[in-house]
C-alpha atoms as a PDB file:
ATOM      1  CA  MET A   1       0.000   0.000   0.000  1.00  0.00           C
ATOM      2  CA  ALA A   2       1.413   3.385  -0.982  1.00  0.00           C
ATOM      3  CA  ILE A   3       1.449   6.212   1.541  1.00  0.00           C
ATOM      4  CA  MET A   4       1.782   9.755   0.201  1.00  0.00           C
ATOM      5  CA  GLY A   5       2.804   8.459  -3.213  1.00  0.00           C
ATOM      6  CA  LEU A   6       5.571   6.165  -1.970  1.00  0.00           C
ATOM      7  CA  PRO A   7       5.488   2.386  -2.246  1.00  0.00           C
ATOM      8  CA  ALA A   8       5.658   0.405   0.974  1.00  0.00           C
ATOM      9  CA  GLU A   9       9.260  -0.625   0.282  1.00  0.00           C
ATOM     10  CA  GLY A  10      11.872  -0.670  -2.432  1.00  0.00           C
ATOM     11  CA  TYR A  11      13.477   2.145  -4.393  1.00  0.00           C
ATOM     12  CA  VAL A  12      12.214   5.292  -6.097  1.00  0.00           C
ATOM     13  CA  ARG A  13      13.628   7.727  -8.624  1.00  0.00           C
ATOM     14  CA  VAL A  14      13.727  11.489  -8.237  1.00  0.00           C
ATOM     15  CA  HIS A  15      10.414  12.058 -10.051  1.00  0.00           C
ATOM     16  CA  HIS A  16       8.657   9.906  -7.425  1.00  0.00           C
ATOM     17  CA  ILE A  17      10.091  12.125  -4.686  1.00  0.00           C
ATOM     18  CA  ILE A  18       9.656  15.643  -6.083  1.00  0.00           C
ATOM     19  CA  GLY A  19       6.687  14.855  -8.329  1.00  0.00           C
ATOM     20  CA  CYS A  20       6.220  14.970 -12.078  1.00  0.00           C
ATOM     21  CA  SER A  21       3.168  16.514 -13.705  1.00  0.00           C
ATOM     22  CA  LYS A  22       3.868  14.705 -17.002  1.00  0.00           C
ATOM     23  CA  ARG A  23       3.638  11.359 -15.191  1.00  0.00           C
ATOM     24  CA  GLY A  24       0.831  12.415 -12.860  1.00  0.00           C
ATOM     25  CA  LEU A  25       3.002  12.037  -9.758  1.00  0.00           C
ATOM     26  CA  LYS A  26       2.400  14.307  -6.784  1.00  0.00           C
ATOM     27  CA  PRO A  27       5.455  15.338  -4.765  1.00  0.00           C
ATOM     28  CA  VAL A  28       6.151  13.759  -1.399  1.00  0.00           C
ATOM     29  CA  ILE A  29       8.856  16.384  -0.830  1.00  0.00           C
ATOM     30  CA  PRO A  30       7.727  19.534  -2.668  1.00  0.00           C
ATOM     31  CA  VAL A  31      10.990  21.039  -3.904  1.00  0.00           C
ATOM     32  CA  SER A  32      12.222  21.827  -7.395  1.00  0.00           C
ATOM     33  CA  ARG A  33      14.580  19.515  -9.248  1.00  0.00           C
ATOM     34  CA  ALA A  34      17.409  22.054  -8.830  1.00  0.00           C
ATOM     35  CA  THR A  35      16.756  22.314  -5.083  1.00  0.00           C
ATOM     36  CA  TRP A  36      16.711  18.530  -4.748  1.00  0.00           C
ATOM     37  CA  TRP A  37      20.066  18.090  -6.490  1.00  0.00           C
ATOM     38  CA  ALA A  38      21.625  20.993  -4.558  1.00  0.00           C
ATOM     39  CA  GLY A  39      20.443  19.310  -1.354  1.00  0.00           C
ATOM     40  CA  VAL A  40      21.927  15.986  -2.433  1.00  0.00           C
ATOM     41  CA  LYS A  41      25.223  17.705  -3.240  1.00  0.00           C
ATOM     42  CA  SER A  42      25.311  19.570   0.094  1.00  0.00           C
ATOM     43  CA  GLY A  43      24.321  16.507   2.155  1.00  0.00           C
ATOM     44  CA  LYS A  44      20.913  17.885   3.200  1.00  0.00           C
ATOM     45  CA  PHE A  45      19.197  15.100   1.216  1.00  0.00           C
ATOM     46  CA  PRO A  46      20.371  11.469   0.882  1.00  0.00           C
ATOM     47  CA  LYS A  47      22.773  10.711  -1.971  1.00  0.00           C
ATOM     48  CA  GLY A  48      20.919   7.634  -3.191  1.00  0.00           C
ATOM     49  CA  ILE A  49      22.362   4.699  -5.116  1.00  0.00           C
ATOM     50  CA  LEU A  50      23.845   5.087  -8.576  1.00  0.00           C
ATOM     51  CA  LEU A  51      22.628   2.224 -10.786  1.00  0.00           C
ATOM     52  CA  SER A  52      24.192   3.557 -13.982  1.00  0.00           C
ATOM     53  CA  PRO A  53      25.675   6.880 -15.101  1.00  0.00           C
ATOM     54  CA  ALA A  54      22.162   8.212 -15.743  1.00  0.00           C
ATOM     55  CA  ILE A  55      20.041   6.400 -13.130  1.00  0.00           C
ATOM     56  CA  ARG A  56      20.039   7.107  -9.394  1.00  0.00           C
ATOM     57  CA  VAL A  57      17.516   5.672  -6.931  1.00  0.00           C
ATOM     58  CA  TRP A  58      16.697   6.228  -3.270  1.00  0.00           C
ATOM     59  CA  SER A  59      15.403   3.660  -0.814  1.00  0.00           C
ATOM     60  CA  VAL A  60      11.889   4.359   0.380  1.00  0.00           C
ATOM     61  CA  GLU A  61      13.227   3.999   3.917  1.00  0.00           C
ATOM     62  CA  SER A  62      15.733   6.854   3.420  1.00  0.00           C
ATOM     63  CA  ILE A  63      13.001   9.105   1.990  1.00  0.00           C
ATOM     64  CA  ARG A  64      10.678   8.333   4.911  1.00  0.00           C
ATOM     65  CA  GLU A  65      13.526   9.144   7.336  1.00  0.00           C
ATOM     66  CA  LEU A  66      14.102  12.447   5.520  1.00  0.00           C
ATOM     67  CA  MET A  67      10.393  13.242   5.713  1.00  0.00           C
ATOM     68  CA  ALA A  68      10.420  12.506   9.471  1.00  0.00           C
ATOM     69  CA  GLU A  69      13.425  14.822   9.928  1.00  0.00           C
ATOM     70  CA  MET A  70      11.593  17.535   7.976  1.00  0.00           C
ATOM     71  CA  GLY A  71       8.505  17.067  10.140  1.00  0.00           C
ATOM     72  CA  ARG A  72       6.355  15.703   7.311  1.00  0.00           C
ATOM     73  CA  ALA A  73       4.060  12.729   7.805  1.00  0.00           C
ATOM     74  CA  ALA A  74       5.655   9.525   6.585  1.00  0.00           C
END
């Protein structure tokens, strides 16, 4: 069962986290793409796992932990 647009477990890509109107995905962390990547670079947001040079994923657990730190319902 998905809560706030996240699956119960597994991995998600950036568009699942910040939302994507083209794909009909609502953001679970409402920041822009540029803000997300700046946060990843600065360490504010988790770095994720690089699957290939063009594909990075984040564990649902790490996103829920980030949401808890930000005071958002997980």
